[in-house]
Amino acid sequence: MEVLTRKHATFVLLLVFFVAWGYLLSIYKPEEIVHFLGITNVYFAVFLASTIGGVSTVFAGSFYATIITFTRGGLDPFVLGLFAGIGATIGDSIFFYFGHKGRNVLSGRWREKAMMFSAWLQRQNSAVVTIVIFLYAGFTPFPKDLLVAALAIGDYRYRKMIPPLLLGNICLVSLIGYFILQVK
């Protein structure tokens, strides 16, 4: 029962944080928030927001709001992309771990389907899979959770997945920041 209570407390704390963050975004200008937090703290906040946003689809909206706010606050979108991309990749790695461990728990029909997917994935050209990972991570706002978990269940190598995923995450955040700067 105590574990359940801790899980609820963690969820409630995260929820309160993101609701408070949304409230702050609604009453203060981005420049004021960046000035108040300081540049160094902002990059750390982006890293944390992207790590949490990478772990949970629920908080992805707050992640994008954070990127938009800090870009509007005057931060360089490419440096922001670097910090956020690394954080998002760490969050995605957690899903890869869960997918990899979950693969071992599958049984019956699900295990058979996972084995078929794994065999199919292994037959694919490595360069094509790398490009697909990069394009999905770098040019779609969709959660990477399903992609990463599917790759893990398909027994795709972590070290082969990380470079295109990291570059894609950096690219996505940098592009969002760049386009936000273009909107007046």
Protein backbone atom coordinates (compact mmCIF):
# COMPACT_ATOMS: atom_id res chain seq x y z
CA MET A 1 0.00 0.00 0.00
CA GLU A 2 2.90 2.35 0.76
CA VAL A 3 4.32 1.95 -2.78
CA LEU A 4 0.95 2.88 -4.24
CA THR A 5 0.89 5.99 -2.07
CA ARG A 6 4.38 7.01 -3.24
CA LYS A 7 3.38 6.59 -6.86
CA HIS A 8 0.33 8.76 -6.33
CA ALA A 9 2.42 11.38 -4.50
CA THR A 10 4.96 11.49 -7.34
CA PHE A 11 2.21 11.84 -9.91
CA VAL A 12 0.50 14.58 -7.91
CA LEU A 13 3.78 16.49 -7.47
CA LEU A 14 4.50 16.32 -11.19
CA LEU A 15 0.95 17.35 -11.99
CA VAL A 16 1.14 20.31 -9.58
CA PHE A 17 4.47 21.35 -11.11
CA PHE A 18 3.08 21.32 -14.64
CA VAL A 19 -0.14 23.08 -13.67
CA ALA A 20 1.91 25.75 -11.87
CA TRP A 21 4.17 26.02 -14.91
CA GLY A 22 1.14 26.48 -17.15
CA TYR A 23 -0.17 29.17 -14.83
CA LEU A 24 3.18 31.00 -14.87
CA LEU A 25 3.21 30.85 -18.66
CA SER A 26 -0.21 32.45 -18.77
CA ILE A 27 0.62 35.45 -16.56
CA TYR A 28 4.30 36.21 -17.29
CA LYS A 29 6.05 37.03 -20.54
CA PRO A 30 8.70 34.54 -21.70
CA GLU A 31 11.44 37.16 -21.33
CA GLU A 32 10.47 37.70 -17.68
CA ILE A 33 10.60 33.97 -16.95
CA VAL A 34 14.04 33.59 -18.58
CA HIS A 35 15.35 36.65 -16.77
CA PHE A 36 13.99 35.43 -13.42
CA LEU A 37 15.39 31.90 -13.78
CA GLY A 38 18.71 32.86 -15.34
CA ILE A 39 20.24 31.35 -18.48
CA THR A 40 22.04 28.47 -16.73
CA ASN A 41 18.94 27.45 -14.79
CA VAL A 42 16.79 27.67 -17.91
CA TYR A 43 18.97 25.18 -19.78
CA PHE A 44 18.80 22.84 -16.78
CA ALA A 45 15.01 23.28 -16.66
CA VAL A 46 14.77 22.46 -20.37
CA PHE A 47 16.89 19.36 -19.84
CA LEU A 48 14.62 18.20 -16.98
CA ALA A 49 11.40 19.05 -18.85
CA SER A 50 12.56 17.14 -21.91
CA THR A 51 13.66 14.15 -19.85
CA ILE A 52 10.27 14.00 -18.11
CA GLY A 53 8.47 14.79 -21.38
CA GLY A 54 10.41 11.95 -23.00
CA VAL A 55 9.29 9.50 -20.34
CA SER A 56 5.61 10.38 -20.35
CA THR A 57 3.31 11.24 -23.20
CA VAL A 58 1.09 12.98 -20.64
CA PHE A 59 3.66 15.75 -20.12
CA ALA A 60 4.69 16.20 -23.77
CA GLY A 61 2.47 19.29 -24.12
CA SER A 62 4.26 20.98 -21.25
CA PHE A 63 7.56 20.09 -22.86
CA TYR A 64 6.60 21.88 -26.09
CA ALA A 65 5.22 24.84 -24.13
CA THR A 66 8.55 25.06 -22.28
CA ILE A 67 10.52 25.04 -25.54
CA ILE A 68 8.29 27.75 -27.03
CA THR A 69 8.48 29.88 -23.88
CA PHE A 70 12.26 29.74 -23.57
CA THR A 71 12.78 30.37 -27.28
CA ARG A 72 10.49 33.38 -27.04
CA GLY A 73 12.45 34.39 -23.94
CA GLY A 74 15.56 34.86 -26.07
CA LEU A 75 17.42 31.57 -25.87
CA ASP A 76 19.29 30.22 -28.89
CA PRO A 77 17.07 27.51 -30.41
CA PHE A 78 20.05 25.38 -31.39
CA VAL A 79 21.60 25.36 -27.90
CA LEU A 80 18.13 24.75 -26.52
CA GLY A 81 17.81 21.86 -28.98
CA LEU A 82 21.05 20.37 -27.73
CA PHE A 83 19.99 20.38 -24.07
CA ALA A 84 16.43 19.29 -24.79
CA GLY A 85 17.53 16.65 -27.28
CA ILE A 86 19.86 15.03 -24.77
CA GLY A 87 17.16 15.08 -22.10
CA ALA A 88 14.52 13.65 -24.44
CA THR A 89 16.89 10.89 -25.50
CA ILE A 90 17.46 9.95 -21.86
CA GLY A 91 13.69 9.80 -21.38
CA ASP A 92 13.34 7.69 -24.53
CA SER A 93 16.07 5.38 -23.25
CA ILE A 94 13.94 4.61 -20.22
CA PHE A 95 11.17 3.42 -22.55
CA PHE A 96 13.70 1.35 -24.45
CA TYR A 97 14.70 -0.31 -21.19
CA PHE A 98 11.07 -1.06 -20.30
CA GLY A 99 10.43 -2.43 -23.79
CA HIS A 100 13.54 -4.59 -23.61
CA LYS A 101 12.56 -6.00 -20.19
CA GLY A 102 8.94 -6.35 -21.29
CA ARG A 103 10.05 -8.48 -24.21
CA ASN A 104 11.18 -11.15 -21.77
CA VAL A 105 7.79 -11.18 -20.02
CA LEU A 106 5.71 -11.72 -23.15
CA SER A 107 4.13 -15.10 -23.54
CA GLY A 108 2.01 -17.04 -25.99
CA ARG A 109 0.69 -15.15 -28.96
CA TRP A 110 2.34 -11.85 -27.98
CA ARG A 111 5.75 -13.50 -27.72
CA GLU A 112 5.26 -15.06 -31.14
CA LYS A 113 4.35 -11.68 -32.67
CA ALA A 114 7.37 -10.06 -30.98
CA MET A 115 9.64 -12.75 -32.41
CA MET A 116 8.18 -12.23 -35.89
CA PHE A 117 8.66 -8.46 -35.59
CA SER A 118 12.21 -9.00 -34.37
CA ALA A 119 13.00 -11.26 -37.33
CA TRP A 120 11.44 -8.74 -39.73
CA LEU A 121 13.39 -5.87 -38.17
CA GLN A 122 16.66 -7.78 -38.38
CA ARG A 123 16.11 -8.36 -42.11
CA GLN A 124 15.73 -4.65 -42.79
CA ASN A 125 18.56 -2.55 -44.16
CA SER A 126 20.26 -0.89 -41.18
CA ALA A 127 20.58 2.42 -43.03
CA VAL A 128 16.84 2.50 -43.75
CA VAL A 129 15.97 1.83 -40.10
CA THR A 130 18.42 4.57 -39.04
CA ILE A 131 16.84 7.05 -41.45
CA VAL A 132 13.31 6.15 -40.30
CA ILE A 133 14.30 6.65 -36.65
CA PHE A 134 15.87 10.03 -37.45
CA LEU A 135 12.93 11.23 -39.56
CA TYR A 136 10.36 10.15 -36.98
CA ALA A 137 12.27 11.71 -34.08
CA GLY A 138 13.35 14.81 -35.97
CA PHE A 139 10.30 15.80 -37.94
CA THR A 140 7.19 14.59 -36.13
CA PRO A 141 5.85 15.88 -32.82
CA PHE A 142 4.51 12.43 -32.00
CA PRO A 143 5.74 10.65 -28.86
CA LYS A 144 8.79 8.50 -29.37
CA ASP A 145 7.58 6.03 -26.71
CA LEU A 146 5.94 3.63 -29.15
CA LEU A 147 8.81 3.72 -31.63
CA VAL A 148 11.43 3.11 -28.97
CA ALA A 149 9.43 0.39 -27.20
CA ALA A 150 8.77 -1.35 -30.54
CA LEU A 151 12.48 -1.27 -31.37
CA ALA A 152 13.28 -2.73 -27.96
CA ILE A 153 10.68 -5.46 -28.30
CA GLY A 154 12.03 -6.12 -31.79
CA ASP A 155 15.46 -6.65 -30.20
CA TYR A 156 17.00 -3.71 -32.08
CA ARG A 157 20.42 -2.75 -30.75
CA TYR A 158 20.39 0.20 -28.34
CA ARG A 159 23.71 1.53 -29.61
CA LYS A 160 22.36 1.55 -33.18
CA MET A 161 19.19 3.38 -32.15
CA ILE A 162 20.72 6.14 -30.01
CA PRO A 163 22.62 8.23 -32.64
CA PRO A 164 19.66 8.80 -35.00
CA LEU A 165 17.30 9.24 -32.05
CA LEU A 166 19.55 11.82 -30.38
CA LEU A 167 20.12 13.72 -33.62
CA GLY A 168 16.40 13.60 -34.38
CA ASN A 169 15.46 14.91 -30.93
CA ILE A 170 17.99 17.75 -31.22
CA CYS A 171 16.74 18.54 -34.72
CA LEU A 172 13.07 18.61 -33.69
CA VAL A 173 13.57 21.01 -30.78
CA SER A 174 15.90 23.22 -32.82
CA LEU A 175 13.38 23.39 -35.66
CA ILE A 176 10.53 24.22 -33.28
CA GLY A 177 12.66 26.97 -31.73
CA TYR A 178 13.71 28.30 -35.12
CA PHE A 179 10.14 28.42 -36.43
CA ILE A 180 8.89 30.05 -33.23
CA LEU A 181 11.41 32.83 -33.80
CA GLN A 182 10.02 33.33 -37.30
CA VAL A 183 6.48 33.90 -36.00
CA LYS A 184 5.94 37.47 -34.88
